[in-house]
Amino acid sequence: IHHSQPNEIDFPKSQFISKYEADTGSFRDTFAILLPAGTYRANWYEPVSGASLAIADIRQPEQGIRVFRTPLFTTDIALRLVRK
């Protein structure tokens, strides 16, 4: 999950460069995925440093929608979900 805003810079002759400005605020996001039945290890990482922010074991009793809520993070976060 990444938070940023697009920012286009205009140049002569109708050329432009598209880039983004990272939002360095603090965030806590919620999202859902279709997850098969099983037991998983969920590890939240800070991509810029590779540091682990939170680890949890989860059990999904049957295939279905699983809602995840991120820990508090700045700009971006990654989830590594491994079936045990």
PDB file of N, CA and C in Angstrom:
ATOM      1  N   ILE A   1       0.859  -1.163   0.000  1.00  0.00           N
ATOM      2  CA  ILE A   1       0.000   0.000   0.000  1.00  0.00           C
ATOM      3  C   ILE A   1       0.903   1.223   0.000  1.00  0.00           C
ATOM      4  N   HIS A   2       0.622   2.148  -0.896  1.00  0.00           N
ATOM      5  CA  HIS A   2       1.472   3.337  -1.038  1.00  0.00           C
ATOM      6  C   HIS A   2       0.592   4.580  -1.105  1.00  0.00           C
ATOM      7  N   HIS A   3       1.024   5.643  -0.469  1.00  0.00           N
ATOM      8  CA  HIS A   3       0.287   6.908  -0.485  1.00  0.00           C
ATOM      9  C   HIS A   3       1.136   7.987  -1.163  1.00  0.00           C
ATOM     10  N   SER A   4       0.606   8.539  -2.261  1.00  0.00           N
ATOM     11  CA  SER A   4       1.283   9.628  -2.967  1.00  0.00           C
ATOM     12  C   SER A   4       0.270  10.365  -3.829  1.00  0.00           C
ATOM     13  N   GLN A   5       0.704  11.483  -4.371  1.00  0.00           N
ATOM     14  CA  GLN A   5      -0.118  12.294  -5.254  1.00  0.00           C
ATOM     15  C   GLN A   5       0.630  12.506  -6.572  1.00  0.00           C
ATOM     16  N   PRO A   6      -0.075  12.410  -7.718  1.00  0.00           N
ATOM     17  CA  PRO A   6       0.598  12.680  -8.995  1.00  0.00           C
ATOM     18  C   PRO A   6       0.977  14.152  -9.102  1.00  0.00           C
ATOM     19  N   ASN A   7       2.046  14.403  -9.825  1.00  0.00           N
ATOM     20  CA  ASN A   7       2.533  15.764 -10.028  1.00  0.00           C
ATOM     21  C   ASN A   7       3.162  15.818 -11.415  1.00  0.00           C
ATOM     22  N   GLU A   8       2.558  16.561 -12.329  1.00  0.00           N
ATOM     23  CA  GLU A   8       3.077  16.672 -13.689  1.00  0.00           C
ATOM     24  C   GLU A   8       3.795  18.002 -13.867  1.00  0.00           C
ATOM     25  N   ILE A   9       4.943  17.948 -14.507  1.00  0.00           N
ATOM     26  CA  ILE A   9       5.740  19.144 -14.780  1.00  0.00           C
ATOM     27  C   ILE A   9       5.650  19.426 -16.278  1.00  0.00           C
ATOM     28  N   ASP A  10       5.206  20.609 -16.643  1.00  0.00           N
ATOM     29  CA  ASP A  10       5.094  20.973 -18.062  1.00  0.00           C
ATOM     30  C   ASP A  10       6.420  21.507 -18.591  1.00  0.00           C
ATOM     31  N   PHE A  11       6.761  21.115 -19.833  1.00  0.00           N
ATOM     32  CA  PHE A  11       7.950  21.577 -20.526  1.00  0.00           C
ATOM     33  C   PHE A  11       7.534  22.150 -21.872  1.00  0.00           C
ATOM     34  N   PRO A  12       8.394  22.919 -22.508  1.00  0.00           N
ATOM     35  CA  PRO A  12       8.060  23.448 -23.845  1.00  0.00           C
ATOM     36  C   PRO A  12       7.772  22.323 -24.839  1.00  0.00           C
ATOM     37  N   LYS A  13       7.076  22.667 -25.921  1.00  0.00           N
ATOM     38  CA  LYS A  13       6.751  21.753 -27.013  1.00  0.00           C
ATOM     39  C   LYS A  13       5.857  20.598 -26.555  1.00  0.00           C
ATOM     40  N   SER A  14       4.973  20.852 -25.615  1.00  0.00           N
ATOM     41  CA  SER A  14       3.972  19.882 -25.161  1.00  0.00           C
ATOM     42  C   SER A  14       4.568  18.609 -24.553  1.00  0.00           C
ATOM     43  N   GLN A  15       5.793  18.681 -24.109  1.00  0.00           N
ATOM     44  CA  GLN A  15       6.382  17.532 -23.415  1.00  0.00           C
ATOM     45  C   GLN A  15       6.168  17.720 -21.915  1.00  0.00           C
ATOM     46  N   PHE A  16       6.029  16.651 -21.221  1.00  0.00           N
ATOM     47  CA  PHE A  16       5.907  16.746 -19.771  1.00  0.00           C
ATOM     48  C   PHE A  16       6.519  15.510 -19.125  1.00  0.00           C
ATOM     49  N   ILE A  17       6.849  15.651 -17.895  1.00  0.00           N
ATOM     50  CA  ILE A  17       7.355  14.539 -17.097  1.00  0.00           C
ATOM     51  C   ILE A  17       6.321  14.281 -16.011  1.00  0.00           C
ATOM     52  N   SER A  18       5.915  13.046 -15.887  1.00  0.00           N
ATOM     53  CA  SER A  18       4.961  12.679 -14.850  1.00  0.00           C
ATOM     54  C   SER A  18       5.733  12.078 -13.675  1.00  0.00           C
ATOM     55  N   LYS A  19       5.444  12.531 -12.485  1.00  0.00           N
ATOM     56  CA  LYS A  19       6.085  11.999 -11.289  1.00  0.00           C
ATOM     57  C   LYS A  19       5.083  12.046 -10.154  1.00  0.00           C
ATOM     58  N   TYR A  20       5.503  11.663  -8.985  1.00  0.00           N
ATOM     59  CA  TYR A  20       4.602  11.725  -7.850  1.00  0.00           C
ATOM     60  C   TYR A  20       5.324  12.301  -6.643  1.00  0.00           C
ATOM     61  N   GLU A  21       4.536  12.797  -5.734  1.00  0.00           N
ATOM     62  CA  GLU A  21       5.035  13.305  -4.466  1.00  0.00           C
ATOM     63  C   GLU A  21       4.551  12.355  -3.381  1.00  0.00           C
ATOM     64  N   ALA A  22       5.486  11.721  -2.675  1.00  0.00           N
ATOM     65  CA  ALA A  22       5.112  10.806  -1.603  1.00  0.00           C
ATOM     66  C   ALA A  22       4.449  11.573  -0.467  1.00  0.00           C
ATOM     67  N   ASP A  23       3.395  11.003   0.067  1.00  0.00           N
ATOM     68  CA  ASP A  23       2.709  11.593   1.215  1.00  0.00           C
ATOM     69  C   ASP A  23       3.337  11.004   2.468  1.00  0.00           C
ATOM     70  N   THR A  24       3.989  11.827   3.253  1.00  0.00           N
ATOM     71  CA  THR A  24       4.728  11.343   4.423  1.00  0.00           C
ATOM     72  C   THR A  24       3.904  11.392   5.702  1.00  0.00           C
ATOM     73  N   GLY A  25       2.585  11.385   5.556  1.00  0.00           N
ATOM     74  CA  GLY A  25       1.713  11.350   6.727  1.00  0.00           C
ATOM     75  C   GLY A  25       1.669   9.956   7.334  1.00  0.00           C
ATOM     76  N   SER A  26       0.940   9.825   8.411  1.00  0.00           N
ATOM     77  CA  SER A  26       0.737   8.533   9.055  1.00  0.00           C
ATOM     78  C   SER A  26      -0.614   7.963   8.624  1.00  0.00           C
ATOM     79  N   PHE A  27      -0.638   6.666   8.361  1.00  0.00           N
ATOM     80  CA  PHE A  27      -1.828   6.021   7.837  1.00  0.00           C
ATOM     81  C   PHE A  27      -2.115   4.716   8.566  1.00  0.00           C
ATOM     82  N   ARG A  28      -3.375   4.328   8.527  1.00  0.00           N
ATOM     83  CA  ARG A  28      -3.831   3.006   8.946  1.00  0.00           C
ATOM     84  C   ARG A  28      -4.948   2.659   7.980  1.00  0.00           C
ATOM     85  N   ASP A  29      -4.692   1.671   7.122  1.00  0.00           N
ATOM     86  CA  ASP A  29      -5.638   1.320   6.066  1.00  0.00           C
ATOM     87  C   ASP A  29      -6.300  -0.026   6.336  1.00  0.00           C
ATOM     88  N   THR A  30      -7.448  -0.221   5.704  1.00  0.00           N
ATOM     89  CA  THR A  30      -8.176  -1.479   5.765  1.00  0.00           C
ATOM     90  C   THR A  30      -8.423  -1.950   4.341  1.00  0.00           C
ATOM     91  N   PHE A  31      -8.232  -3.248   4.090  1.00  0.00           N
ATOM     92  CA  PHE A  31      -8.519  -3.816   2.785  1.00  0.00           C
ATOM     93  C   PHE A  31      -8.950  -5.270   2.960  1.00  0.00           C
ATOM     94  N   ALA A  32      -9.525  -5.848   1.933  1.00  0.00           N
ATOM     95  CA  ALA A  32     -10.023  -7.220   2.002  1.00  0.00           C
ATOM     96  C   ALA A  32      -9.504  -8.017   0.811  1.00  0.00           C
ATOM     97  N   ILE A  33      -9.238  -9.309   1.049  1.00  0.00           N
ATOM     98  CA  ILE A  33      -8.829 -10.213  -0.027  1.00  0.00           C
ATOM     99  C   ILE A  33      -9.580 -11.534   0.141  1.00  0.00           C
ATOM    100  N   LEU A  34      -9.730 -12.245  -0.969  1.00  0.00           N
ATOM    101  CA  LEU A  34     -10.303 -13.580  -0.938  1.00  0.00           C
ATOM    102  C   LEU A  34      -9.184 -14.528  -0.526  1.00  0.00           C
ATOM    103  N   LEU A  35      -9.345 -15.204   0.599  1.00  0.00           N
ATOM    104  CA  LEU A  35      -8.279 -16.035   1.164  1.00  0.00           C
ATOM    105  C   LEU A  35      -8.761 -17.480   1.274  1.00  0.00           C
ATOM    106  N   PRO A  36      -7.999 -18.439   0.730  1.00  0.00           N
ATOM    107  CA  PRO A  36      -8.355 -19.852   0.888  1.00  0.00           C
ATOM    108  C   PRO A  36      -8.246 -20.281   2.349  1.00  0.00           C
ATOM    109  N   ALA A  37      -8.934 -21.351   2.697  1.00  0.00           N
ATOM    110  CA  ALA A  37      -8.872 -21.880   4.057  1.00  0.00           C
ATOM    111  C   ALA A  37      -7.430 -22.255   4.394  1.00  0.00           C
ATOM    112  N   GLY A  38      -7.042 -22.039   5.644  1.00  0.00           N
ATOM    113  CA  GLY A  38      -5.704 -22.416   6.079  1.00  0.00           C
ATOM    114  C   GLY A  38      -5.220 -21.561   7.229  1.00  0.00           C
ATOM    115  N   THR A  39      -4.001 -21.849   7.652  1.00  0.00           N
ATOM    116  CA  THR A  39      -3.345 -21.075   8.692  1.00  0.00           C
ATOM    117  C   THR A  39      -2.209 -20.301   8.039  1.00  0.00           C
ATOM    118  N   TYR A  40      -2.070 -19.040   8.394  1.00  0.00           N
ATOM    119  CA  TYR A  40      -1.120 -18.147   7.732  1.00  0.00           C
ATOM    120  C   TYR A  40      -0.291 -17.369   8.754  1.00  0.00           C
ATOM    121  N   ARG A  41       0.878 -16.960   8.319  1.00  0.00           N
ATOM    122  CA  ARG A  41       1.688 -16.002   9.070  1.00  0.00           C
ATOM    123  C   ARG A  41       1.644 -14.703   8.279  1.00  0.00           C
ATOM    124  N   ALA A  42       1.162 -13.638   8.930  1.00  0.00           N
ATOM    125  CA  ALA A  42       1.079 -12.312   8.309  1.00  0.00           C
ATOM    126  C   ALA A  42       2.185 -11.446   8.891  1.00  0.00           C
ATOM    127  N   ASN A  43       3.024 -10.901   8.025  1.00  0.00           N
ATOM    128  CA  ASN A  43       4.138 -10.060   8.462  1.00  0.00           C
ATOM    129  C   ASN A  43       4.075  -8.743   7.698  1.00  0.00           C
ATOM    130  N   TRP A  44       3.895  -7.654   8.433  1.00  0.00           N
ATOM    131  CA  TRP A  44       3.853  -6.314   7.856  1.00  0.00           C
ATOM    132  C   TRP A  44       5.254  -5.727   7.845  1.00  0.00           C
ATOM    133  N   TYR A  45       5.675  -5.202   6.691  1.00  0.00           N
ATOM    134  CA  TYR A  45       7.016  -4.645   6.517  1.00  0.00           C
ATOM    135  C   TYR A  45       6.967  -3.176   6.120  1.00  0.00           C
ATOM    136  N   GLU A  46       7.989  -2.466   6.508  1.00  0.00           N
ATOM    137  CA  GLU A  46       8.233  -1.107   6.029  1.00  0.00           C
ATOM    138  C   GLU A  46       9.176  -1.240   4.827  1.00  0.00           C
ATOM    139  N   PRO A  47       8.697  -1.012   3.594  1.00  0.00           N
ATOM    140  CA  PRO A  47       9.518  -1.239   2.401  1.00  0.00           C
ATOM    141  C   PRO A  47      10.822  -0.450   2.361  1.00  0.00           C
ATOM    142  N   VAL A  48      10.821   0.777   2.850  1.00  0.00           N
ATOM    143  CA  VAL A  48      12.023   1.608   2.744  1.00  0.00           C
ATOM    144  C   VAL A  48      13.187   1.028   3.553  1.00  0.00           C
ATOM    145  N   SER A  49      12.895   0.376   4.677  1.00  0.00           N
ATOM    146  CA  SER A  49      13.966  -0.151   5.527  1.00  0.00           C
ATOM    147  C   SER A  49      13.995  -1.674   5.587  1.00  0.00           C
ATOM    148  N   GLY A  50      12.901  -2.322   5.218  1.00  0.00           N
ATOM    149  CA  GLY A  50      12.804  -3.774   5.347  1.00  0.00           C
ATOM    150  C   GLY A  50      12.447  -4.219   6.753  1.00  0.00           C
ATOM    151  N   ALA A  51      12.227  -3.259   7.654  1.00  0.00           N
ATOM    152  CA  ALA A  51      11.915  -3.579   9.049  1.00  0.00           C
ATOM    153  C   ALA A  51      10.519  -4.191   9.166  1.00  0.00           C
ATOM    154  N   SER A  52      10.403  -5.178  10.041  1.00  0.00           N
ATOM    155  CA  SER A  52       9.112  -5.790  10.329  1.00  0.00           C
ATOM    156  C   SER A  52       8.363  -4.914  11.330  1.00  0.00           C
ATOM    157  N   LEU A  53       7.102  -4.592  11.024  1.00  0.00           N
ATOM    158  CA  LEU A  53       6.300  -3.732  11.888  1.00  0.00           C
ATOM    159  C   LEU A  53       5.359  -4.524  12.786  1.00  0.00           C
ATOM    160  N   ALA A  54       4.880  -5.671  12.312  1.00  0.00           N
ATOM    161  CA  ALA A  54       3.965  -6.497  13.097  1.00  0.00           C
ATOM    162  C   ALA A  54       3.900  -7.891  12.478  1.00  0.00           C
ATOM    163  N   ILE A  55       3.761  -8.905  13.331  1.00  0.00           N
ATOM    164  CA  ILE A  55       3.633 -10.291  12.888  1.00  0.00           C
ATOM    165  C   ILE A  55       2.443 -10.908  13.614  1.00  0.00           C
ATOM    166  N   ALA A  56       1.644 -11.680  12.881  1.00  0.00           N
ATOM    167  CA  ALA A  56       0.505 -12.359  13.499  1.00  0.00           C
ATOM    168  C   ALA A  56       0.243 -13.669  12.774  1.00  0.00           C
ATOM    169  N   ASP A  57      -0.165 -14.680  13.520  1.00  0.00           N
ATOM    170  CA  ASP A  57      -0.646 -15.927  12.929  1.00  0.00           C
ATOM    171  C   ASP A  57      -2.160 -15.814  12.827  1.00  0.00           C
ATOM    172  N   ILE A  58      -2.692 -16.172  11.657  1.00  0.00           N
ATOM    173  CA  ILE A  58      -4.133 -16.098  11.462  1.00  0.00           C
ATOM    174  C   ILE A  58      -4.653 -17.429  10.951  1.00  0.00           C
ATOM    175  N   ARG A  59      -5.868 -17.730  11.307  1.00  0.00           N
ATOM    176  CA  ARG A  59      -6.528 -18.951  10.851  1.00  0.00           C
ATOM    177  C   ARG A  59      -7.751 -18.546  10.048  1.00  0.00           C
ATOM    178  N   GLN A  60      -7.820 -19.061   8.835  1.00  0.00           N
ATOM    179  CA  GLN A  60      -8.975 -18.837   7.961  1.00  0.00           C
ATOM    180  C   GLN A  60      -9.710 -20.175   7.884  1.00  0.00           C
ATOM    181  N   PRO A  61     -10.848 -20.336   8.598  1.00  0.00           N
ATOM    182  CA  PRO A  61     -11.508 -21.639   8.684  1.00  0.00           C
ATOM    183  C   PRO A  61     -12.042 -22.164   7.348  1.00  0.00           C
ATOM    184  N   GLU A  62     -12.447 -21.270   6.470  1.00  0.00           N
ATOM    185  CA  GLU A  62     -12.908 -21.670   5.138  1.00  0.00           C
ATOM    186  C   GLU A  62     -12.614 -20.537   4.170  1.00  0.00           C
ATOM    187  N   GLN A  63     -12.602 -20.862   2.871  1.00  0.00           N
ATOM    188  CA  GLN A  63     -12.328 -19.815   1.891  1.00  0.00           C
ATOM    189  C   GLN A  63     -13.343 -18.702   2.033  1.00  0.00           C
ATOM    190  N   GLY A  64     -12.854 -17.485   2.019  1.00  0.00           N
ATOM    191  CA  GLY A  64     -13.755 -16.345   2.113  1.00  0.00           C
ATOM    192  C   GLY A  64     -12.994 -15.038   2.162  1.00  0.00           C
ATOM    193  N   ILE A  65     -13.737 -13.975   2.295  1.00  0.00           N
ATOM    194  CA  ILE A  65     -13.153 -12.640   2.352  1.00  0.00           C
ATOM    195  C   ILE A  65     -12.529 -12.438   3.731  1.00  0.00           C
ATOM    196  N   ARG A  66     -11.276 -12.018   3.753  1.00  0.00           N
ATOM    197  CA  ARG A  66     -10.571 -11.711   5.001  1.00  0.00           C
ATOM    198  C   ARG A  66     -10.234 -10.225   4.993  1.00  0.00           C
ATOM    199  N   VAL A  67     -10.615  -9.534   6.037  1.00  0.00           N
ATOM    200  CA  VAL A  67     -10.344  -8.107   6.158  1.00  0.00           C
ATOM    201  C   VAL A  67      -9.071  -7.925   6.975  1.00  0.00           C
ATOM    202  N   PHE A  68      -8.164  -7.119   6.454  1.00  0.00           N
ATOM    203  CA  PHE A  68      -6.911  -6.795   7.137  1.00  0.00           C
ATOM    204  C   PHE A  68      -6.891  -5.312   7.477  1.00  0.00           C
ATOM    205  N   ARG A  69      -6.366  -4.990   8.633  1.00  0.00           N
ATOM    206  CA  ARG A  69      -6.150  -3.599   9.036  1.00  0.00           C
ATOM    207  C   ARG A  69      -4.659  -3.449   9.286  1.00  0.00           C
ATOM    208  N   THR A  70      -4.047  -2.510   8.609  1.00  0.00           N
ATOM    209  CA  THR A  70      -2.599  -2.319   8.726  1.00  0.00           C
ATOM    210  C   THR A  70      -2.251  -1.727  10.088  1.00  0.00           C
ATOM    211  N   PRO A  71      -1.027  -1.967  10.544  1.00  0.00           N
ATOM    212  CA  PRO A  71      -0.545  -1.172  11.669  1.00  0.00           C
ATOM    213  C   PRO A  71      -0.306   0.262  11.179  1.00  0.00           C
ATOM    214  N   LEU A  72      -0.099   1.177  12.083  1.00  0.00           N
ATOM    215  CA  LEU A  72       0.199   2.561  11.721  1.00  0.00           C
ATOM    216  C   LEU A  72       1.499   2.604  10.930  1.00  0.00           C
ATOM    217  N   PHE A  73       1.511   3.325   9.790  1.00  0.00           N
ATOM    218  CA  PHE A  73       2.706   3.401   8.949  1.00  0.00           C
ATOM    219  C   PHE A  73       2.816   4.761   8.291  1.00  0.00           C
ATOM    220  N   THR A  74       3.990   5.047   7.750  1.00  0.00           N
ATOM    221  CA  THR A  74       4.261   6.285   7.036  1.00  0.00           C
ATOM    222  C   THR A  74       4.515   5.969   5.566  1.00  0.00           C
ATOM    223  N   THR A  75       3.826   6.595   4.665  1.00  0.00           N
ATOM    224  CA  THR A  75       3.942   6.523   3.206  1.00  0.00           C
ATOM    225  C   THR A  75       3.548   5.174   2.621  1.00  0.00           C
ATOM    226  N   ASP A  76       4.265   4.073   2.954  1.00  0.00           N
ATOM    227  CA  ASP A  76       3.901   2.789   2.371  1.00  0.00           C
ATOM    228  C   ASP A  76       4.200   1.629   3.319  1.00  0.00           C
ATOM    229  N   ILE A  77       3.548   0.498   3.021  1.00  0.00           N
ATOM    230  CA  ILE A  77       3.668  -0.705   3.839  1.00  0.00           C
ATOM    231  C   ILE A  77       3.451  -1.913   2.927  1.00  0.00           C
ATOM    232  N   ALA A  78       4.037  -3.050   3.288  1.00  0.00           N
ATOM    233  CA  ALA A  78       3.864  -4.280   2.527  1.00  0.00           C
ATOM    234  C   ALA A  78       3.458  -5.407   3.474  1.00  0.00           C
ATOM    235  N   LEU A  79       2.635  -6.299   2.964  1.00  0.00           N
ATOM    236  CA  LEU A  79       2.208  -7.477   3.726  1.00  0.00           C
ATOM    237  C   LEU A  79       2.754  -8.727   3.056  1.00  0.00           C
ATOM    238  N   ARG A  80       3.431  -9.543   3.839  1.00  0.00           N
ATOM    239  CA  ARG A  80       3.861 -10.866   3.374  1.00  0.00           C
ATOM    240  C   ARG A  80       2.969 -11.873   4.079  1.00  0.00           C
ATOM    241  N   LEU A  81       2.202 -12.622   3.297  1.00  0.00           N
ATOM    242  CA  LEU A  81       1.263 -13.581   3.835  1.00  0.00           C
ATOM    243  C   LEU A  81       1.706 -14.969   3.378  1.00  0.00           C
ATOM    244  N   VAL A  82       2.096 -15.836   4.338  1.00  0.00           N
ATOM    245  CA  VAL A  82       2.636 -17.156   4.026  1.00  0.00           C
ATOM    246  C   VAL A  82       1.741 -18.222   4.651  1.00  0.00           C
ATOM    247  N   ARG A  83       1.321 -19.168   3.837  1.00  0.00           N
ATOM    248  CA  ARG A  83       0.513 -20.274   4.340  1.00  0.00           C
ATOM    249  C   ARG A  83       1.417 -21.255   5.064  1.00  0.00           C
ATOM    250  N   LYS A  84       0.999 -21.661   6.236  1.00  0.00           N
ATOM    251  CA  LYS A  84       1.797 -22.587   7.052  1.00  0.00           C
ATOM    252  C   LYS A  84       1.472 -24.034   6.731  1.00  0.00           C
TER     253      LYS A  84
END
